[in-house]
């Protein structure tokens, strides 16, 4: 009788482990809100100039959105869901060329089993350094 109980208990344990009991599946992050840039102000500057504040107008900017200057994050201040201001250094505009400006909304964390949202980045807008 004892042997039969041991075999049945072992079968229940093996079946439970094989079915994944106790492990929780993870829900993948959902797409986040995609920001869009409509205007940069100023739209251009002169090479070798002084540092300045770049105003980015657009839509769907979430709290914690970051402005990226050629892919590098710049200090960003939110002025609301439709406007951000970024600090552009003199080193950023030392030489003539075209820079791509983007806005990235951060993702949101999920619960203990996943979820949340992914970070999303706007289409780039060109900024000209003459």
N, C-alpha and C. Protein backbone atom coordinates (compact mmCIF):
# COMPACT_ATOMS: atom_id res chain seq x y z
N UNK A 1 0.83 -1.19 0.00
CA UNK A 1 0.00 0.00 0.00
C UNK A 1 0.88 1.26 0.00
N UNK A 2 1.93 1.22 0.78
CA UNK A 2 2.84 2.35 0.89
C UNK A 2 3.50 2.61 -0.46
N UNK A 3 3.86 1.59 -1.18
CA UNK A 3 4.49 1.72 -2.49
C UNK A 3 3.51 2.35 -3.48
N UNK A 4 2.27 1.96 -3.44
CA UNK A 4 1.25 2.52 -4.32
C UNK A 4 1.06 4.00 -4.05
N UNK A 5 1.04 4.41 -2.78
CA UNK A 5 0.91 5.82 -2.42
C UNK A 5 2.10 6.62 -2.93
N UNK A 6 3.27 6.08 -2.82
CA UNK A 6 4.48 6.76 -3.28
C UNK A 6 4.45 6.94 -4.79
N UNK A 7 4.02 5.89 -5.49
CA UNK A 7 3.94 5.97 -6.96
C UNK A 7 2.90 6.99 -7.38
N UNK A 8 1.74 7.01 -6.74
CA UNK A 8 0.70 7.98 -7.07
C UNK A 8 1.15 9.41 -6.76
N UNK A 9 1.81 9.61 -5.64
CA UNK A 9 2.32 10.94 -5.27
C UNK A 9 3.35 11.41 -6.29
N UNK A 10 4.24 10.52 -6.68
CA UNK A 10 5.26 10.87 -7.69
C UNK A 10 4.59 11.22 -9.01
N UNK A 11 3.54 10.51 -9.37
CA UNK A 11 2.81 10.80 -10.61
C UNK A 11 2.14 12.17 -10.57
N UNK A 12 1.54 12.50 -9.44
CA UNK A 12 0.89 13.81 -9.29
C UNK A 12 1.93 14.93 -9.38
N UNK A 13 3.06 14.75 -8.72
CA UNK A 13 4.12 15.77 -8.76
C UNK A 13 4.64 15.93 -10.18
N UNK A 14 4.92 14.84 -10.86
CA UNK A 14 5.43 14.91 -12.24
C UNK A 14 4.41 15.57 -13.16
N UNK A 15 3.14 15.23 -13.00
CA UNK A 15 2.09 15.82 -13.82
C UNK A 15 1.96 17.32 -13.57
N UNK A 16 2.06 17.71 -12.31
CA UNK A 16 1.97 19.13 -11.96
C UNK A 16 3.12 19.91 -12.57
N UNK A 17 4.32 19.39 -12.46
CA UNK A 17 5.48 20.08 -13.03
C UNK A 17 5.40 20.14 -14.55
N UNK A 18 4.95 19.08 -15.17
CA UNK A 18 4.85 19.04 -16.63
C UNK A 18 3.81 20.02 -17.15
N UNK A 19 2.77 20.28 -16.37
CA UNK A 19 1.71 21.19 -16.80
C UNK A 19 2.08 22.65 -16.55
N UNK A 20 3.19 22.91 -15.87
CA UNK A 20 3.60 24.28 -15.62
C UNK A 20 2.91 24.91 -14.43
N UNK A 21 2.29 24.10 -13.59
CA UNK A 21 1.63 24.65 -12.41
C UNK A 21 2.66 25.39 -11.58
N UNK A 22 2.32 26.57 -11.17
CA UNK A 22 3.24 27.35 -10.36
C UNK A 22 4.06 28.34 -11.18
N UNK A 23 4.13 28.15 -12.49
CA UNK A 23 4.84 29.13 -13.31
C UNK A 23 3.79 29.99 -14.00
N UNK A 24 4.07 31.27 -14.10
CA UNK A 24 3.11 32.20 -14.68
C UNK A 24 3.63 32.67 -16.03
N UNK A 25 2.76 32.70 -16.99
CA UNK A 25 3.19 33.20 -18.28
C UNK A 25 3.31 34.72 -18.22
N UNK A 26 4.13 35.24 -19.08
CA UNK A 26 4.38 36.67 -19.10
C UNK A 26 3.65 37.29 -20.28
N UNK A 27 2.97 38.40 -20.02
CA UNK A 27 2.26 39.11 -21.08
C UNK A 27 3.22 40.12 -21.71
N UNK A 28 3.42 40.07 -23.02
CA UNK A 28 4.34 41.03 -23.64
C UNK A 28 3.82 42.47 -23.53
N UNK A 29 4.75 43.41 -23.58
CA UNK A 29 4.38 44.82 -23.52
C UNK A 29 3.57 45.20 -24.76
N UNK A 30 2.60 46.07 -24.58
CA UNK A 30 1.78 46.58 -25.68
C UNK A 30 2.48 47.77 -26.32
N UNK A 31 2.15 48.09 -27.55
CA UNK A 31 2.72 49.31 -28.15
C UNK A 31 2.33 50.53 -27.32
N UNK A 32 3.27 51.46 -27.20
CA UNK A 32 3.01 52.69 -26.46
C UNK A 32 2.45 53.77 -27.37
N UNK A 33 2.37 54.98 -26.85
CA UNK A 33 1.90 56.13 -27.61
C UNK A 33 3.05 56.70 -28.43
N UNK A 34 2.86 56.81 -29.73
CA UNK A 34 3.91 57.31 -30.62
C UNK A 34 3.83 58.83 -30.70
N UNK A 35 4.92 59.53 -30.31
CA UNK A 35 4.91 60.99 -30.42
C UNK A 35 5.13 61.43 -31.87
N UNK A 36 4.74 62.65 -32.18
CA UNK A 36 4.95 63.21 -33.52
C UNK A 36 5.45 64.64 -33.38
N UNK A 37 6.50 64.98 -34.13
CA UNK A 37 7.04 66.33 -34.14
C UNK A 37 6.42 67.09 -35.30
N UNK A 38 5.92 68.30 -35.03
CA UNK A 38 5.35 69.12 -36.10
C UNK A 38 6.22 70.32 -36.44
N UNK A 39 7.02 70.79 -35.46
CA UNK A 39 7.82 72.00 -35.70
C UNK A 39 8.97 72.08 -34.71
N UNK A 40 10.12 72.57 -35.20
CA UNK A 40 11.27 72.88 -34.35
C UNK A 40 11.45 74.39 -34.37
N UNK A 41 11.77 74.96 -33.21
CA UNK A 41 11.98 76.39 -33.15
C UNK A 41 13.19 76.69 -32.27
N UNK A 42 14.24 77.26 -32.82
CA UNK A 42 14.38 77.67 -34.21
C UNK A 42 14.56 76.44 -35.11
N UNK A 43 14.29 76.59 -36.41
CA UNK A 43 14.43 75.46 -37.33
C UNK A 43 15.87 75.23 -37.79
N UNK A 44 16.75 76.22 -37.52
CA UNK A 44 18.15 76.10 -37.91
C UNK A 44 18.96 77.10 -37.09
N UNK A 45 20.30 76.99 -37.22
CA UNK A 45 21.19 77.92 -36.54
C UNK A 45 22.51 77.98 -37.31
N UNK A 46 23.39 78.83 -36.85
CA UNK A 46 24.69 79.01 -37.50
C UNK A 46 25.75 78.20 -36.76
N UNK A 47 26.59 77.51 -37.51
CA UNK A 47 27.67 76.71 -36.92
C UNK A 47 28.58 77.61 -36.08
N UNK A 48 29.00 77.09 -34.94
CA UNK A 48 29.89 77.83 -34.06
C UNK A 48 29.16 78.78 -33.13
N UNK A 49 27.85 78.75 -33.14
CA UNK A 49 27.06 79.65 -32.29
C UNK A 49 27.03 79.20 -30.84
N UNK A 50 26.25 79.93 -30.06
CA UNK A 50 26.12 79.65 -28.63
C UNK A 50 25.04 78.61 -28.36
N UNK A 51 25.11 78.03 -27.18
CA UNK A 51 24.09 77.09 -26.73
C UNK A 51 22.73 77.76 -26.77
N UNK A 52 21.69 76.97 -26.96
CA UNK A 52 20.34 77.53 -27.04
C UNK A 52 19.31 76.50 -26.61
N UNK A 53 18.10 76.98 -26.40
CA UNK A 53 16.97 76.11 -26.06
C UNK A 53 16.20 75.83 -27.35
N UNK A 54 16.03 74.55 -27.67
CA UNK A 54 15.27 74.13 -28.84
C UNK A 54 13.86 73.77 -28.39
N UNK A 55 12.86 74.42 -29.00
CA UNK A 55 11.47 74.12 -28.68
C UNK A 55 10.94 73.14 -29.72
N UNK A 56 10.34 72.06 -29.24
CA UNK A 56 9.79 71.03 -30.12
C UNK A 56 8.29 71.02 -29.92
N UNK A 57 7.55 71.35 -30.97
CA UNK A 57 6.09 71.28 -30.93
C UNK A 57 5.66 69.99 -31.60
N UNK A 58 4.58 69.41 -31.11
CA UNK A 58 4.08 68.17 -31.69
C UNK A 58 2.88 67.67 -30.94
N UNK A 59 2.69 66.35 -31.00
CA UNK A 59 1.54 65.73 -30.34
C UNK A 59 1.99 64.45 -29.62
N UNK A 60 1.19 64.06 -28.66
CA UNK A 60 1.38 62.81 -27.92
C UNK A 60 2.68 62.71 -27.14
N UNK A 61 3.20 63.83 -26.62
CA UNK A 61 4.38 63.77 -25.78
C UNK A 61 3.93 63.35 -24.38
N UNK A 62 4.47 62.27 -23.88
CA UNK A 62 4.07 61.81 -22.55
C UNK A 62 5.04 62.31 -21.49
N UNK A 63 4.65 62.18 -20.24
CA UNK A 63 5.54 62.56 -19.15
C UNK A 63 6.83 61.75 -19.25
N UNK A 64 7.95 62.40 -19.10
CA UNK A 64 9.23 61.72 -19.20
C UNK A 64 9.75 61.59 -20.62
N UNK A 65 9.06 62.20 -21.60
CA UNK A 65 9.54 62.16 -22.98
C UNK A 65 10.92 62.80 -23.06
N UNK A 66 11.77 62.26 -23.93
CA UNK A 66 13.12 62.77 -24.08
C UNK A 66 13.38 63.18 -25.52
N UNK A 67 14.08 64.31 -25.68
CA UNK A 67 14.51 64.75 -26.99
C UNK A 67 15.87 64.13 -27.27
N UNK A 68 16.01 63.59 -28.49
CA UNK A 68 17.30 63.02 -28.90
C UNK A 68 17.84 63.84 -30.07
N UNK A 69 19.11 64.18 -29.99
CA UNK A 69 19.83 64.97 -30.97
C UNK A 69 20.79 64.01 -31.65
N UNK A 70 20.50 63.62 -32.89
CA UNK A 70 21.29 62.59 -33.58
C UNK A 70 21.42 61.33 -32.72
N UNK A 71 20.36 60.95 -32.04
CA UNK A 71 20.33 59.73 -31.25
C UNK A 71 20.80 59.86 -29.82
N UNK A 72 21.34 61.02 -29.43
CA UNK A 72 21.82 61.23 -28.06
C UNK A 72 20.83 62.08 -27.28
N UNK A 73 20.49 61.62 -26.09
CA UNK A 73 19.51 62.31 -25.25
C UNK A 73 20.05 63.67 -24.81
N UNK A 74 19.18 64.65 -24.88
CA UNK A 74 19.49 66.00 -24.39
C UNK A 74 18.57 66.31 -23.21
N UNK A 75 19.03 67.18 -22.32
CA UNK A 75 18.21 67.59 -21.18
C UNK A 75 16.89 68.14 -21.72
N UNK A 76 15.79 67.57 -21.25
CA UNK A 76 14.47 67.88 -21.80
C UNK A 76 13.53 68.32 -20.69
N UNK A 77 12.76 69.36 -20.97
CA UNK A 77 11.73 69.84 -20.04
C UNK A 77 10.39 69.78 -20.78
N UNK A 78 9.41 69.16 -20.15
CA UNK A 78 8.08 69.07 -20.74
C UNK A 78 7.29 70.34 -20.45
N UNK A 79 6.67 70.86 -21.51
CA UNK A 79 5.81 72.03 -21.37
C UNK A 79 4.35 71.60 -21.57
N UNK A 80 4.11 70.29 -21.56
CA UNK A 80 2.78 69.74 -21.77
C UNK A 80 2.81 68.65 -22.83
N UNK A 81 1.64 68.15 -23.17
CA UNK A 81 1.55 67.04 -24.12
C UNK A 81 1.91 67.44 -25.55
N UNK A 82 2.05 68.76 -25.81
CA UNK A 82 2.30 69.21 -27.17
C UNK A 82 3.58 70.03 -27.33
N UNK A 83 4.38 70.14 -26.26
CA UNK A 83 5.60 70.94 -26.39
C UNK A 83 6.67 70.48 -25.41
N UNK A 84 7.91 70.41 -25.93
CA UNK A 84 9.08 70.09 -25.13
C UNK A 84 10.14 71.15 -25.41
N UNK A 85 11.05 71.32 -24.46
CA UNK A 85 12.19 72.22 -24.65
C UNK A 85 13.44 71.42 -24.32
N UNK A 86 14.45 71.49 -25.20
CA UNK A 86 15.70 70.76 -24.99
C UNK A 86 16.88 71.72 -25.03
N UNK A 87 17.86 71.45 -24.18
CA UNK A 87 19.08 72.26 -24.14
C UNK A 87 20.06 71.72 -25.18
N UNK A 88 20.45 72.58 -26.11
CA UNK A 88 21.42 72.22 -27.16
C UNK A 88 22.70 72.99 -26.87
N UNK A 89 23.79 72.27 -26.71
CA UNK A 89 25.06 72.91 -26.33
C UNK A 89 25.78 73.50 -27.55
N UNK A 90 26.75 74.36 -27.28
CA UNK A 90 27.56 74.94 -28.35
C UNK A 90 28.33 73.85 -29.09
N UNK A 91 28.75 72.81 -28.37
CA UNK A 91 29.46 71.69 -29.02
C UNK A 91 28.55 70.96 -30.01
N UNK A 92 27.25 70.94 -29.73
CA UNK A 92 26.30 70.27 -30.63
C UNK A 92 26.20 70.96 -31.99
N UNK A 93 26.52 72.26 -32.03
CA UNK A 93 26.35 73.02 -33.28
C UNK A 93 27.69 73.59 -33.75
N UNK A 94 28.80 72.96 -33.36
CA UNK A 94 30.13 73.47 -33.70
C UNK A 94 30.42 73.42 -35.20
N UNK A 95 29.88 72.43 -35.89
CA UNK A 95 30.14 72.31 -37.33
C UNK A 95 28.84 72.26 -38.12
N UNK A 96 28.91 72.71 -39.36
CA UNK A 96 27.73 72.72 -40.24
C UNK A 96 27.29 71.30 -40.56
N UNK A 97 26.00 71.16 -40.80
CA UNK A 97 25.45 69.86 -41.17
C UNK A 97 23.98 69.77 -40.83
N UNK A 98 23.45 68.58 -40.96
CA UNK A 98 22.05 68.32 -40.65
C UNK A 98 21.98 67.33 -39.50
N UNK A 99 21.16 67.63 -38.54
CA UNK A 99 20.98 66.79 -37.35
C UNK A 99 19.55 66.28 -37.34
N UNK A 100 19.38 65.02 -36.95
CA UNK A 100 18.03 64.48 -36.80
C UNK A 100 17.59 64.62 -35.35
N UNK A 101 16.41 65.21 -35.18
CA UNK A 101 15.82 65.40 -33.85
C UNK A 101 14.64 64.44 -33.74
N UNK A 102 14.59 63.69 -32.64
CA UNK A 102 13.46 62.79 -32.39
C UNK A 102 12.99 62.98 -30.96
N UNK A 103 11.80 62.48 -30.68
CA UNK A 103 11.24 62.46 -29.31
C UNK A 103 10.90 61.01 -28.99
N UNK A 104 11.32 60.57 -27.80
CA UNK A 104 11.02 59.21 -27.36
C UNK A 104 10.16 59.27 -26.10
N UNK A 105 8.99 58.64 -26.18
CA UNK A 105 8.14 58.47 -25.01
C UNK A 105 8.61 57.21 -24.28
N UNK A 106 8.74 57.26 -22.95
CA UNK A 106 9.17 56.06 -22.23
C UNK A 106 8.07 55.02 -22.19
N UNK A 107 8.47 53.78 -22.05
CA UNK A 107 7.50 52.71 -21.84
C UNK A 107 7.01 52.75 -20.40
N UNK A 108 5.97 52.01 -20.12
CA UNK A 108 5.47 51.91 -18.76
C UNK A 108 5.67 50.48 -18.29
N UNK A 109 6.04 50.30 -17.02
CA UNK A 109 6.27 48.95 -16.52
C UNK A 109 4.97 48.17 -16.40
N UNK A 110 5.09 46.88 -16.53
CA UNK A 110 3.93 46.01 -16.33
C UNK A 110 3.90 45.50 -14.91
N UNK A 111 3.00 44.61 -14.66
CA UNK A 111 2.90 44.00 -13.34
C UNK A 111 3.88 42.85 -13.19
N UNK A 112 3.69 42.01 -12.21
CA UNK A 112 4.62 40.92 -11.97
C UNK A 112 4.65 39.89 -13.11
N UNK A 113 3.67 39.90 -13.98
CA UNK A 113 3.62 38.93 -15.07
C UNK A 113 3.74 39.60 -16.43
N UNK A 114 4.37 40.76 -16.48
CA UNK A 114 4.58 41.44 -17.76
C UNK A 114 3.53 42.52 -17.99
N UNK A 115 3.30 42.80 -19.26
CA UNK A 115 2.36 43.85 -19.62
C UNK A 115 3.07 45.16 -19.78
N UNK A 116 2.42 46.25 -19.49
CA UNK A 116 3.01 47.57 -19.66
C UNK A 116 3.01 47.98 -21.12
N UNK A 117 3.78 49.03 -21.42
CA UNK A 117 3.88 49.51 -22.81
C UNK A 117 5.33 49.67 -23.21
N UNK A 118 5.56 49.61 -24.49
CA UNK A 118 6.90 49.79 -25.05
C UNK A 118 7.20 51.28 -25.18
N UNK A 119 8.49 51.63 -25.17
CA UNK A 119 8.85 53.01 -25.49
C UNK A 119 8.65 53.20 -26.99
N UNK A 120 8.33 54.41 -27.39
CA UNK A 120 8.07 54.71 -28.79
C UNK A 120 8.80 55.99 -29.18
N UNK A 121 9.32 56.03 -30.41
CA UNK A 121 10.08 57.19 -30.90
C UNK A 121 9.40 57.77 -32.13
N UNK A 122 9.40 59.10 -32.21
CA UNK A 122 8.81 59.81 -33.34
C UNK A 122 9.64 59.62 -34.60
N UNK A 123 9.05 59.98 -35.72
CA UNK A 123 9.82 60.08 -36.95
C UNK A 123 10.80 61.26 -36.77
N UNK A 124 11.97 61.19 -37.37
CA UNK A 124 12.93 62.28 -37.19
C UNK A 124 12.54 63.54 -37.97
N UNK A 125 12.95 64.68 -37.43
CA UNK A 125 12.82 65.95 -38.13
C UNK A 125 14.22 66.53 -38.23
N UNK A 126 14.56 67.04 -39.41
CA UNK A 126 15.89 67.59 -39.64
C UNK A 126 16.03 68.99 -39.06
N UNK A 127 17.20 69.23 -38.45
CA UNK A 127 17.59 70.54 -37.96
C UNK A 127 18.87 70.89 -38.71
N UNK A 128 18.92 72.07 -39.32
CA UNK A 128 20.06 72.47 -40.14
C UNK A 128 20.99 73.40 -39.38
N UNK A 129 22.28 73.07 -39.46
CA UNK A 129 23.33 73.93 -38.90
C UNK A 129 24.09 74.48 -40.10
N UNK A 130 23.94 75.79 -40.34
CA UNK A 130 24.55 76.43 -41.52
C UNK A 130 25.97 76.87 -41.24
